[in-house]
C-alpha cells in the first residue's frame, strides 16, 4: 500500500508477529496476572527496562501479515510504538490492510488501545499523563488526532456486519472490552467524547446483550447519563454509521430501562431534533417508537424493506 513504518512501528510488528501472546511483557502465572488476563487486559510493560527484547524473526510468523499491526495495537504497546502504528493505520491506504485482516480486528485494536494505559517509554510526556502518572492514548493530543483519523478510515463509512456472526470467544472478548471501557469512561475520562463514542459503539443492536445492558445503564444508570451528556447530537458523530444503531433491538427491557433513565418516550421520536439533544435520547425514543408502530424522525436514515430488496437485486 506504499506505507512507511517508523523504527518503533517495525519493532512492534516484529514483536506481534513472532511473539503474539506477549509482544512486550512476560506472561506471568501469578493470581493477579491471571485475573487481569481473564478480564481482557493485555500484558503491558510499565517501563522500558521491564520490556522483553525483540524476538528473533525466524520461522513462520505467528500471525498473518495484515493482522500484525492491529494486534500490536491491541497488545498494550508503549507510546512510541502506538504512535508509529497509528500513523500508518490512520491513512486511507490502511483500508487495504484491514480488508486482508479479520473484520473484527480493527475495532478490537482500537477499543483496546482506548481502554488500556500505554506502556511507558522515553517518548511519554509528563503533561499527557493523568494525576497518577498513567498515560492514555485518548488523553495524548498527538495520538488523539490519529485516533480520530483511524475512526474515519475504518468505521465511519461501513456497517460492522461481522458483529452479527461473532462466535462465543469474540463475544466474550467484546464483553470484557465493554466492561473495561465503561470503567475508564466514568472513572478516568470523566465523560471524554472519544471514549464515549467508543463505549456507545457497544450499544449497537447486534452487539452482545451484556454490552448493550452496560450502555443502557442496566446496573449503573450513571454510565448512560454521562454518555448522554457526552454525545450531543449537534456536534458529535457516532463511531459507526447511524444505520448500525437503527437495527431492530431484541433486548427491549434494557432499552426501555434506559429510556426511563433518560426521561424519553416513544412520542418524542417524531418531534424536532432540537428537543432530543443527545444520541442516546434520540435512539432510545426511536426504538420505543418503532416498537409501538409510531413515527420516528430517524426512520428515514434506515432503508425500508422494499429498498433493501431493490438494492439486493442490483
C-alpha atoms as a PDB file:
ATOM      1  CA  UNK A   1       0.000   0.000   0.000  1.00  0.00           C
ATOM      2  CA  UNK A   2       3.071   2.253  -0.113  1.00  0.00           C
ATOM      3  CA  UNK A   3       3.032   2.970   3.630  1.00  0.00           C
ATOM      4  CA  UNK A   4       6.223   3.769   5.550  1.00  0.00           C
ATOM      5  CA  UNK A   5       6.853   2.427   9.060  1.00  0.00           C
ATOM      6  CA  UNK A   6       8.828   4.155  11.778  1.00  0.00           C
ATOM      7  CA  UNK A   7      11.507   2.050  13.530  1.00  0.00           C
ATOM      8  CA  UNK A   8       9.223   1.812  16.586  1.00  0.00           C
ATOM      9  CA  UNK A   9       6.351   0.530  14.422  1.00  0.00           C
ATOM     10  CA  UNK A  10       8.646  -2.025  12.767  1.00  0.00           C
ATOM     11  CA  UNK A  11       9.777  -3.193  16.197  1.00  0.00           C
ATOM     12  CA  UNK A  12       6.145  -3.513  17.314  1.00  0.00           C
ATOM     13  CA  UNK A  13       5.207  -5.560  14.262  1.00  0.00           C
ATOM     14  CA  UNK A  14       8.096  -7.977  14.721  1.00  0.00           C
ATOM     15  CA  UNK A  15       7.109  -8.446  18.356  1.00  0.00           C
ATOM     16  CA  UNK A  16       3.452  -9.016  17.459  1.00  0.00           C
ATOM     17  CA  UNK A  17       4.250 -11.362  14.582  1.00  0.00           C
ATOM     18  CA  UNK A  18       6.758 -13.611  16.336  1.00  0.00           C
ATOM     19  CA  UNK A  19       5.581 -13.371  19.958  1.00  0.00           C
ATOM     20  CA  UNK A  20       1.853 -12.516  19.716  1.00  0.00           C
ATOM     21  CA  UNK A  21       0.979 -13.771  23.201  1.00  0.00           C
ATOM     22  CA  UNK A  22       3.301 -11.236  24.876  1.00  0.00           C
ATOM     23  CA  UNK A  23       4.930  -8.736  22.496  1.00  0.00           C
ATOM     24  CA  UNK A  24       6.423  -6.577  25.252  1.00  0.00           C
ATOM     25  CA  UNK A  25       5.936  -8.222  28.652  1.00  0.00           C
ATOM     26  CA  UNK A  26       6.388 -11.682  30.057  1.00  0.00           C
ATOM     27  CA  UNK A  27       3.153 -13.567  30.725  1.00  0.00           C
ATOM     28  CA  UNK A  28       3.246 -14.284  34.442  1.00  0.00           C
ATOM     29  CA  UNK A  29       1.306 -17.029  36.166  1.00  0.00           C
ATOM     30  CA  UNK A  30       0.550 -15.296  39.449  1.00  0.00           C
ATOM     31  CA  UNK A  31      -3.025 -14.744  40.601  1.00  0.00           C
ATOM     32  CA  UNK A  32      -3.189 -11.031  39.717  1.00  0.00           C
ATOM     33  CA  UNK A  33      -1.906 -11.706  36.191  1.00  0.00           C
ATOM     34  CA  UNK A  34      -4.471 -14.449  35.661  1.00  0.00           C
ATOM     35  CA  UNK A  35      -7.244 -12.129  36.854  1.00  0.00           C
ATOM     36  CA  UNK A  36      -6.016  -9.400  34.505  1.00  0.00           C
ATOM     37  CA  UNK A  37      -5.974 -11.739  31.511  1.00  0.00           C
ATOM     38  CA  UNK A  38      -9.421 -13.119  32.396  1.00  0.00           C
ATOM     39  CA  UNK A  39     -10.824  -9.578  32.360  1.00  0.00           C
ATOM     40  CA  UNK A  40      -9.352  -8.939  28.914  1.00  0.00           C
ATOM     41  CA  UNK A  41      -6.366  -6.819  29.907  1.00  0.00           C
ATOM     42  CA  UNK A  42      -3.330  -7.226  27.704  1.00  0.00           C
ATOM     43  CA  UNK A  43       0.032  -7.641  29.483  1.00  0.00           C
ATOM     44  CA  UNK A  44       1.787  -4.305  29.159  1.00  0.00           C
ATOM     45  CA  UNK A  45       5.253  -3.173  30.205  1.00  0.00           C
ATOM     46  CA  UNK A  46       5.102  -0.182  32.550  1.00  0.00           C
ATOM     47  CA  UNK A  47       8.719   0.778  31.993  1.00  0.00           C
ATOM     48  CA  UNK A  48      11.212   0.367  29.194  1.00  0.00           C
ATOM     49  CA  UNK A  49      13.571  -1.611  31.436  1.00  0.00           C
ATOM     50  CA  UNK A  50      10.939  -4.305  32.060  1.00  0.00           C
ATOM     51  CA  UNK A  51      10.119  -4.865  28.382  1.00  0.00           C
ATOM     52  CA  UNK A  52      11.208  -8.139  26.800  1.00  0.00           C
ATOM     53  CA  UNK A  53      13.775  -7.978  23.993  1.00  0.00           C
ATOM     54  CA  UNK A  54      12.678  -8.194  20.371  1.00  0.00           C
ATOM     55  CA  UNK A  55      12.160 -11.860  19.370  1.00  0.00           C
ATOM     56  CA  UNK A  56      14.213 -13.380  16.581  1.00  0.00           C
ATOM     57  CA  UNK A  57      12.349 -13.247  13.262  1.00  0.00           C
ATOM     58  CA  UNK A  58      12.958 -16.892  12.384  1.00  0.00           C
ATOM     59  CA  UNK A  59      10.466 -19.455  11.181  1.00  0.00           C
ATOM     60  CA  UNK A  60       6.882 -18.687  10.193  1.00  0.00           C
ATOM     61  CA  UNK A  61       5.087 -15.722  11.712  1.00  0.00           C
ATOM     62  CA  UNK A  62       2.544 -16.404  14.437  1.00  0.00           C
ATOM     63  CA  UNK A  63       0.044 -14.075  12.718  1.00  0.00           C
ATOM     64  CA  UNK A  64      -0.993 -13.233   9.177  1.00  0.00           C
ATOM     65  CA  UNK A  65       0.828 -10.133   7.961  1.00  0.00           C
ATOM     66  CA  UNK A  66      -2.307  -7.960   7.663  1.00  0.00           C
ATOM     67  CA  UNK A  67      -3.290  -8.753  11.258  1.00  0.00           C
ATOM     68  CA  UNK A  68       0.072  -7.856  12.771  1.00  0.00           C
ATOM     69  CA  UNK A  69      -0.227  -4.030  13.081  1.00  0.00           C
ATOM     70  CA  UNK A  70      -3.725  -4.290  14.567  1.00  0.00           C
ATOM     71  CA  UNK A  71      -2.623  -6.982  17.010  1.00  0.00           C
ATOM     72  CA  UNK A  72       0.319  -4.836  18.065  1.00  0.00           C
ATOM     73  CA  UNK A  73      -2.111  -2.025  18.936  1.00  0.00           C
ATOM     74  CA  UNK A  74      -4.310  -4.460  20.833  1.00  0.00           C
ATOM     75  CA  UNK A  75      -1.444  -5.817  22.937  1.00  0.00           C
ATOM     76  CA  UNK A  76      -0.733  -2.731  25.072  1.00  0.00           C
ATOM     77  CA  UNK A  77       2.121  -1.047  23.158  1.00  0.00           C
ATOM     78  CA  UNK A  78       4.459   1.646  24.509  1.00  0.00           C
ATOM     79  CA  UNK A  79       3.624   5.161  23.332  1.00  0.00           C
ATOM     80  CA  UNK A  80       6.212   5.381  20.535  1.00  0.00           C
ATOM     81  CA  UNK A  81       5.045   2.080  19.066  1.00  0.00           C
ATOM     82  CA  UNK A  82       1.389   3.158  19.262  1.00  0.00           C
ATOM     83  CA  UNK A  83       2.270   6.455  17.567  1.00  0.00           C
ATOM     84  CA  UNK A  84       4.122   4.741  14.703  1.00  0.00           C
ATOM     85  CA  UNK A  85       1.358   2.175  14.172  1.00  0.00           C
ATOM     86  CA  UNK A  86      -1.402   4.795  14.199  1.00  0.00           C
ATOM     87  CA  UNK A  87       0.499   6.954  11.724  1.00  0.00           C
ATOM     88  CA  UNK A  88       0.170   4.059   9.287  1.00  0.00           C
ATOM     89  CA  UNK A  89      -3.249   2.689  10.186  1.00  0.00           C
ATOM     90  CA  UNK A  90      -4.948   6.108  10.177  1.00  0.00           C
ATOM     91  CA  UNK A  91      -4.194   6.654   6.491  1.00  0.00           C
ATOM     92  CA  UNK A  92      -6.784   5.888   3.818  1.00  0.00           C
ATOM     93  CA  UNK A  93      -4.469   3.284   2.289  1.00  0.00           C
ATOM     94  CA  UNK A  94      -4.736   1.270   5.511  1.00  0.00           C
ATOM     95  CA  UNK A  95      -8.206   0.134   4.402  1.00  0.00           C
ATOM     96  CA  UNK A  96      -6.406  -2.309   2.109  1.00  0.00           C
ATOM     97  CA  UNK A  97      -4.622  -3.790   5.135  1.00  0.00           C
ATOM     98  CA  UNK A  98      -7.893  -4.026   7.067  1.00  0.00           C
ATOM     99  CA  UNK A  99      -9.598  -5.830   4.189  1.00  0.00           C
ATOM    100  CA  UNK A 100      -6.992  -8.592   4.420  1.00  0.00           C
ATOM    101  CA  UNK A 101      -7.306  -8.913   8.215  1.00  0.00           C
ATOM    102  CA  UNK A 102     -10.187 -10.484  10.183  1.00  0.00           C
ATOM    103  CA  UNK A 103     -13.055  -7.947  10.023  1.00  0.00           C
ATOM    104  CA  UNK A 104     -13.244  -7.564  13.800  1.00  0.00           C
ATOM    105  CA  UNK A 105      -9.539  -6.811  14.211  1.00  0.00           C
ATOM    106  CA  UNK A 106      -9.560  -3.019  13.570  1.00  0.00           C
ATOM    107  CA  UNK A 107     -12.310  -2.464  16.149  1.00  0.00           C
ATOM    108  CA  UNK A 108     -10.810  -4.663  18.856  1.00  0.00           C
ATOM    109  CA  UNK A 109      -7.441  -2.991  18.337  1.00  0.00           C
ATOM    110  CA  UNK A 110      -8.975   0.483  18.599  1.00  0.00           C
ATOM    111  CA  UNK A 111     -11.164  -0.260  21.622  1.00  0.00           C
ATOM    112  CA  UNK A 112      -8.277  -1.982  23.419  1.00  0.00           C
ATOM    113  CA  UNK A 113      -5.997   0.996  22.834  1.00  0.00           C
ATOM    114  CA  UNK A 114      -8.657   3.323  24.249  1.00  0.00           C
ATOM    115  CA  UNK A 115      -9.295   1.092  27.283  1.00  0.00           C
ATOM    116  CA  UNK A 116      -5.696   0.206  28.192  1.00  0.00           C
ATOM    117  CA  UNK A 117      -2.966   2.539  29.518  1.00  0.00           C
ATOM    118  CA  UNK A 118       0.003   2.981  27.217  1.00  0.00           C
ATOM    119  CA  UNK A 119       3.247   1.266  28.077  1.00  0.00           C
ATOM    120  CA  UNK A 120       5.794   3.762  29.360  1.00  0.00           C
ATOM    121  CA  UNK A 121       8.780   4.722  27.195  1.00  0.00           C
ATOM    122  CA  UNK A 122      11.074   7.684  26.589  1.00  0.00           C
ATOM    123  CA  UNK A 123       8.519   9.408  24.339  1.00  0.00           C
ATOM    124  CA  UNK A 124       5.957   9.758  27.156  1.00  0.00           C
ATOM    125  CA  UNK A 125       5.434  13.361  28.219  1.00  0.00           C
ATOM    126  CA  UNK A 126       4.528  14.398  31.741  1.00  0.00           C
ATOM    127  CA  UNK A 127       1.865  16.831  30.533  1.00  0.00           C
ATOM    128  CA  UNK A 128      -0.018  13.969  28.830  1.00  0.00           C
ATOM    129  CA  UNK A 129      -0.219  11.805  31.957  1.00  0.00           C
ATOM    130  CA  UNK A 130      -3.112  11.824  34.395  1.00  0.00           C
ATOM    131  CA  UNK A 131      -2.752  12.692  38.080  1.00  0.00           C
ATOM    132  CA  UNK A 132      -1.485   9.168  38.804  1.00  0.00           C
ATOM    133  CA  UNK A 133       1.165   9.351  36.076  1.00  0.00           C
ATOM    134  CA  UNK A 134      -0.759   6.980  33.783  1.00  0.00           C
ATOM    135  CA  UNK A 135      -0.641   7.640  30.046  1.00  0.00           C
ATOM    136  CA  UNK A 136      -3.785   7.133  27.941  1.00  0.00           C
ATOM    137  CA  UNK A 137      -3.911   7.313  24.145  1.00  0.00           C
ATOM    138  CA  UNK A 138      -7.118   9.389  24.173  1.00  0.00           C
ATOM    139  CA  UNK A 139      -5.527  11.939  26.531  1.00  0.00           C
ATOM    140  CA  UNK A 140      -2.419  12.390  24.376  1.00  0.00           C
ATOM    141  CA  UNK A 141      -3.199  15.131  21.820  1.00  0.00           C
ATOM    142  CA  UNK A 142      -0.886  13.762  19.121  1.00  0.00           C
ATOM    143  CA  UNK A 143      -2.322  10.264  19.438  1.00  0.00           C
ATOM    144  CA  UNK A 144      -5.878  11.586  19.782  1.00  0.00           C
ATOM    145  CA  UNK A 145      -5.768  13.239  16.365  1.00  0.00           C
ATOM    146  CA  UNK A 146      -4.570   9.971  14.824  1.00  0.00           C
ATOM    147  CA  UNK A 147      -7.273   8.016  16.655  1.00  0.00           C
ATOM    148  CA  UNK A 148      -9.920  10.309  15.185  1.00  0.00           C
ATOM    149  CA  UNK A 149      -8.480   9.734  11.701  1.00  0.00           C
ATOM    150  CA  UNK A 150      -8.475   5.976  12.399  1.00  0.00           C
ATOM    151  CA  UNK A 151     -12.218   6.170  13.146  1.00  0.00           C
ATOM    152  CA  UNK A 152     -12.847   7.986   9.879  1.00  0.00           C
ATOM    153  CA  UNK A 153     -10.859   5.426   7.881  1.00  0.00           C
ATOM    154  CA  UNK A 154     -12.113   2.190   9.437  1.00  0.00           C
ATOM    155  CA  UNK A 155     -15.548   2.787  10.979  1.00  0.00           C
ATOM    156  CA  UNK A 156     -17.405   5.833   9.668  1.00  0.00           C
ATOM    157  CA  UNK A 157     -18.327   4.563   6.206  1.00  0.00           C
ATOM    158  CA  UNK A 158     -19.209   0.878   6.596  1.00  0.00           C
ATOM    159  CA  UNK A 159     -21.532  -1.009   8.923  1.00  0.00           C
ATOM    160  CA  UNK A 160     -19.855  -3.692  11.086  1.00  0.00           C
ATOM    161  CA  UNK A 161     -21.549  -6.736   9.600  1.00  0.00           C
ATOM    162  CA  UNK A 162     -19.128  -9.024  11.436  1.00  0.00           C
ATOM    163  CA  UNK A 163     -20.865  -8.376  14.780  1.00  0.00           C
ATOM    164  CA  UNK A 164     -23.952 -10.426  13.884  1.00  0.00           C
ATOM    165  CA  UNK A 165     -21.827 -13.508  13.207  1.00  0.00           C
ATOM    166  CA  UNK A 166     -19.489 -13.171  16.197  1.00  0.00           C
ATOM    167  CA  UNK A 167     -18.675 -16.513  17.836  1.00  0.00           C
ATOM    168  CA  UNK A 168     -18.599 -17.210  21.568  1.00  0.00           C
ATOM    169  CA  UNK A 169     -14.940 -16.302  22.020  1.00  0.00           C
ATOM    170  CA  UNK A 170     -15.354 -12.986  20.201  1.00  0.00           C
ATOM    171  CA  UNK A 171     -18.495 -12.139  22.173  1.00  0.00           C
ATOM    172  CA  UNK A 172     -16.556 -12.825  25.368  1.00  0.00           C
ATOM    173  CA  UNK A 173     -13.765 -10.508  24.209  1.00  0.00           C
ATOM    174  CA  UNK A 174     -16.313  -7.797  23.391  1.00  0.00           C
ATOM    175  CA  UNK A 175     -17.938  -8.148  26.818  1.00  0.00           C
ATOM    176  CA  UNK A 176     -14.578  -7.790  28.556  1.00  0.00           C
ATOM    177  CA  UNK A 177     -13.676  -4.732  26.490  1.00  0.00           C
ATOM    178  CA  UNK A 178     -17.038  -3.102  27.140  1.00  0.00           C
ATOM    179  CA  UNK A 179     -16.687  -3.554  30.904  1.00  0.00           C
ATOM    180  CA  UNK A 180     -13.208  -2.040  30.869  1.00  0.00           C
ATOM    181  CA  UNK A 181     -14.316   0.867  28.700  1.00  0.00           C
ATOM    182  CA  UNK A 182     -17.240   1.694  30.969  1.00  0.00           C
ATOM    183  CA  UNK A 183     -14.869   1.945  33.949  1.00  0.00           C
ATOM    184  CA  UNK A 184     -12.356   4.036  32.010  1.00  0.00           C
ATOM    185  CA  UNK A 185     -15.147   6.283  30.712  1.00  0.00           C
ATOM    186  CA  UNK A 186     -16.566   7.045  34.155  1.00  0.00           C
ATOM    187  CA  UNK A 187     -13.535   6.777  36.444  1.00  0.00           C
ATOM    188  CA  UNK A 188     -10.683   8.010  34.233  1.00  0.00           C
ATOM    189  CA  UNK A 189     -12.026  10.135  31.370  1.00  0.00           C
ATOM    190  CA  UNK A 190     -14.977  11.701  33.221  1.00  0.00           C
ATOM    191  CA  UNK A 191     -17.019  11.846  30.027  1.00  0.00           C
ATOM    192  CA  UNK A 192     -14.408  12.251  27.282  1.00  0.00           C
ATOM    193  CA  UNK A 193     -16.161  12.373  23.884  1.00  0.00           C
ATOM    194  CA  UNK A 194     -13.827   9.941  22.089  1.00  0.00           C
ATOM    195  CA  UNK A 195     -14.110   7.396  24.897  1.00  0.00           C
ATOM    196  CA  UNK A 196     -17.894   7.939  24.899  1.00  0.00           C
ATOM    197  CA  UNK A 197     -18.142   7.213  21.167  1.00  0.00           C
ATOM    198  CA  UNK A 198     -16.121   4.041  21.612  1.00  0.00           C
ATOM    199  CA  UNK A 199     -18.255   2.830  24.508  1.00  0.00           C
ATOM    200  CA  UNK A 200     -21.519   3.713  22.732  1.00  0.00           C
ATOM    201  CA  UNK A 201     -20.393   1.549  19.802  1.00  0.00           C
ATOM    202  CA  UNK A 202     -21.253  -1.364  22.112  1.00  0.00           C
ATOM    203  CA  UNK A 203     -24.880  -0.149  22.170  1.00  0.00           C
ATOM    204  CA  UNK A 204     -25.340  -1.286  18.547  1.00  0.00           C
ATOM    205  CA  UNK A 205     -28.277  -3.758  18.449  1.00  0.00           C
ATOM    206  CA  UNK A 206     -26.098  -6.606  17.125  1.00  0.00           C
ATOM    207  CA  UNK A 207     -23.592  -6.346  19.978  1.00  0.00           C
ATOM    208  CA  UNK A 208     -23.759  -8.940  22.807  1.00  0.00           C
ATOM    209  CA  UNK A 209     -26.721  -8.295  25.078  1.00  0.00           C
ATOM    210  CA  UNK A 210     -24.423  -7.799  28.090  1.00  0.00           C
ATOM    211  CA  UNK A 211     -22.659  -4.946  26.269  1.00  0.00           C
ATOM    212  CA  UNK A 212     -25.936  -3.264  25.388  1.00  0.00           C
ATOM    213  CA  UNK A 213     -27.072  -3.612  29.004  1.00  0.00           C
ATOM    214  CA  UNK A 214     -23.955  -1.734  30.158  1.00  0.00           C
ATOM    215  CA  UNK A 215     -24.556   1.088  27.673  1.00  0.00           C
ATOM    216  CA  UNK A 216     -28.258   1.385  28.545  1.00  0.00           C
ATOM    217  CA  UNK A 217     -27.399   1.717  32.235  1.00  0.00           C
ATOM    218  CA  UNK A 218     -28.933  -1.545  33.454  1.00  0.00           C
ATOM    219  CA  UNK A 219     -26.696  -1.762  36.533  1.00  0.00           C
ATOM    220  CA  UNK A 220     -25.131   1.707  36.513  1.00  0.00           C
ATOM    221  CA  UNK A 221     -27.551   4.424  35.311  1.00  0.00           C
ATOM    222  CA  UNK A 222     -24.745   6.963  35.785  1.00  0.00           C
ATOM    223  CA  UNK A 223     -22.948   5.430  32.784  1.00  0.00           C
ATOM    224  CA  UNK A 224     -25.910   6.155  30.497  1.00  0.00           C
ATOM    225  CA  UNK A 225     -26.466   9.639  31.896  1.00  0.00           C
ATOM    226  CA  UNK A 226     -22.826  10.535  31.331  1.00  0.00           C
ATOM    227  CA  UNK A 227     -22.962   9.049  27.808  1.00  0.00           C
ATOM    228  CA  UNK A 228     -25.985  11.197  27.040  1.00  0.00           C
ATOM    229  CA  UNK A 229     -24.152  14.285  28.284  1.00  0.00           C
ATOM    230  CA  UNK A 230     -21.039  13.420  26.240  1.00  0.00           C
ATOM    231  CA  UNK A 231     -22.758  12.645  22.922  1.00  0.00           C
ATOM    232  CA  UNK A 232     -24.809  15.693  21.884  1.00  0.00           C
ATOM    233  CA  UNK A 233     -26.496  15.428  18.515  1.00  0.00           C
ATOM    234  CA  UNK A 234     -25.481  18.866  17.311  1.00  0.00           C
ATOM    235  CA  UNK A 235     -21.716  18.417  17.234  1.00  0.00           C
ATOM    236  CA  UNK A 236     -20.780  14.749  17.617  1.00  0.00           C
ATOM    237  CA  UNK A 237     -20.874  11.857  15.184  1.00  0.00           C
ATOM    238  CA  UNK A 238     -21.119   8.265  16.285  1.00  0.00           C
ATOM    239  CA  UNK A 239     -18.387   5.683  15.734  1.00  0.00           C
ATOM    240  CA  UNK A 240     -20.412   3.521  13.338  1.00  0.00           C
ATOM    241  CA  UNK A 241     -22.731   4.845  10.607  1.00  0.00           C
ATOM    242  CA  UNK A 242     -26.125   5.803  12.051  1.00  0.00           C
ATOM    243  CA  UNK A 243     -27.862   2.861  10.329  1.00  0.00           C
ATOM    244  CA  UNK A 244     -25.922   0.478  12.584  1.00  0.00           C
ATOM    245  CA  UNK A 245     -27.711   1.814  15.665  1.00  0.00           C
ATOM    246  CA  UNK A 246     -31.139   1.651  13.999  1.00  0.00           C
ATOM    247  CA  UNK A 247     -31.220  -2.122  13.537  1.00  0.00           C
ATOM    248  CA  UNK A 248     -34.133  -3.773  15.405  1.00  0.00           C
ATOM    249  CA  UNK A 249     -33.404  -4.476  19.071  1.00  0.00           C
ATOM    250  CA  UNK A 250     -34.082  -7.812  20.747  1.00  0.00           C
ATOM    251  CA  UNK A 251     -33.437  -6.674  24.326  1.00  0.00           C
ATOM    252  CA  UNK A 252     -36.300  -4.200  24.699  1.00  0.00           C
ATOM    253  CA  UNK A 253     -36.310  -4.314  28.537  1.00  0.00           C
ATOM    254  CA  UNK A 254     -32.764  -2.892  28.730  1.00  0.00           C
ATOM    255  CA  UNK A 255     -33.576  -0.203  26.202  1.00  0.00           C
ATOM    256  CA  UNK A 256     -36.849   0.696  27.932  1.00  0.00           C
ATOM    257  CA  UNK A 257     -34.977   0.985  31.227  1.00  0.00           C
ATOM    258  CA  UNK A 258     -32.530   3.331  29.516  1.00  0.00           C
ATOM    259  CA  UNK A 259     -35.394   5.411  28.150  1.00  0.00           C
ATOM    260  CA  UNK A 260     -36.800   5.764  31.667  1.00  0.00           C
ATOM    261  CA  UNK A 261     -33.386   6.847  32.983  1.00  0.00           C
ATOM    262  CA  UNK A 262     -33.138   9.455  30.209  1.00  0.00           C
ATOM    263  CA  UNK A 263     -36.764  10.576  30.571  1.00  0.00           C
ATOM    264  CA  UNK A 264     -37.841   9.994  26.954  1.00  0.00           C
ATOM    265  CA  UNK A 265     -40.908   8.340  25.433  1.00  0.00           C
ATOM    266  CA  UNK A 266     -41.981   6.915  22.079  1.00  0.00           C
ATOM    267  CA  UNK A 267     -43.842  10.127  21.255  1.00  0.00           C
ATOM    268  CA  UNK A 268     -40.610  12.119  21.433  1.00  0.00           C
ATOM    269  CA  UNK A 269     -39.151  10.307  18.413  1.00  0.00           C
ATOM    270  CA  UNK A 270     -41.187  12.263  15.867  1.00  0.00           C
ATOM    271  CA  UNK A 271     -40.522  15.695  17.366  1.00  0.00           C
ATOM    272  CA  UNK A 272     -37.995  18.250  16.168  1.00  0.00           C
ATOM    273  CA  UNK A 273     -34.386  17.189  16.558  1.00  0.00           C
ATOM    274  CA  UNK A 274     -33.634  20.019  18.983  1.00  0.00           C
ATOM    275  CA  UNK A 275     -35.948  18.504  21.601  1.00  0.00           C
ATOM    276  CA  UNK A 276     -33.751  15.402  21.948  1.00  0.00           C
ATOM    277  CA  UNK A 277     -30.285  16.799  22.314  1.00  0.00           C
ATOM    278  CA  UNK A 278     -28.227  13.612  22.650  1.00  0.00           C
ATOM    279  CA  UNK A 279     -27.784  10.489  20.573  1.00  0.00           C
ATOM    280  CA  UNK A 280     -28.740   8.119  23.411  1.00  0.00           C
ATOM    281  CA  UNK A 281     -32.003  10.035  23.935  1.00  0.00           C
ATOM    282  CA  UNK A 282     -32.836  10.125  20.221  1.00  0.00           C
ATOM    283  CA  UNK A 283     -32.035   6.448  19.717  1.00  0.00           C
ATOM    284  CA  UNK A 284     -33.986   5.382  22.797  1.00  0.00           C
ATOM    285  CA  UNK A 285     -37.039   7.320  21.584  1.00  0.00           C
ATOM    286  CA  UNK A 286     -36.613   5.868  18.078  1.00  0.00           C
ATOM    287  CA  UNK A 287     -36.597   2.247  19.246  1.00  0.00           C
ATOM    288  CA  UNK A 288     -39.578   2.857  21.523  1.00  0.00           C
ATOM    289  CA  UNK A 289     -41.490   4.390  18.612  1.00  0.00           C
ATOM    290  CA  UNK A 290     -40.646   1.549  16.236  1.00  0.00           C
ATOM    291  CA  UNK A 291     -41.730  -0.980  18.857  1.00  0.00           C
ATOM    292  CA  UNK A 292     -45.115   0.753  19.135  1.00  0.00           C
ATOM    293  CA  UNK A 293     -45.534   1.444  15.430  1.00  0.00           C
ATOM    294  CA  UNK A 294     -45.196   5.203  15.843  1.00  0.00           C
ATOM    295  CA  UNK A 295     -43.293   7.581  13.523  1.00  0.00           C
ATOM    296  CA  UNK A 296     -39.645   8.406  14.171  1.00  0.00           C
ATOM    297  CA  UNK A 297     -37.515  11.181  12.738  1.00  0.00           C
ATOM    298  CA  UNK A 298     -34.673   8.677  12.304  1.00  0.00           C
ATOM    299  CA  UNK A 299     -36.645   6.137  10.252  1.00  0.00           C
ATOM    300  CA  UNK A 300     -35.608   7.801   7.007  1.00  0.00           C
ATOM    301  CA  UNK A 301     -31.958   7.014   7.804  1.00  0.00           C
ATOM    302  CA  UNK A 302     -32.642   3.267   7.637  1.00  0.00           C
ATOM    303  CA  UNK A 303     -33.521   1.692   4.245  1.00  0.00           C
ATOM    304  CA  UNK A 304     -37.001   0.229   4.064  1.00  0.00           C
ATOM    305  CA  UNK A 305     -37.578  -3.446   3.305  1.00  0.00           C
ATOM    306  CA  UNK A 306     -38.502  -2.540  -0.282  1.00  0.00           C
ATOM    307  CA  UNK A 307     -35.322  -0.512  -0.684  1.00  0.00           C
ATOM    308  CA  UNK A 308     -33.289  -3.439   0.666  1.00  0.00           C
ATOM    309  CA  UNK A 309     -34.889  -5.772  -1.896  1.00  0.00           C
ATOM    310  CA  UNK A 310     -34.125  -3.310  -4.676  1.00  0.00           C
ATOM    311  CA  UNK A 311     -30.510  -2.997  -3.537  1.00  0.00           C
ATOM    312  CA  UNK A 312     -30.116  -6.768  -3.392  1.00  0.00           C
ATOM    313  CA  UNK A 313     -31.421  -7.014  -6.944  1.00  0.00           C
ATOM    314  CA  UNK A 314     -28.687  -4.781  -8.316  1.00  0.00           C
END
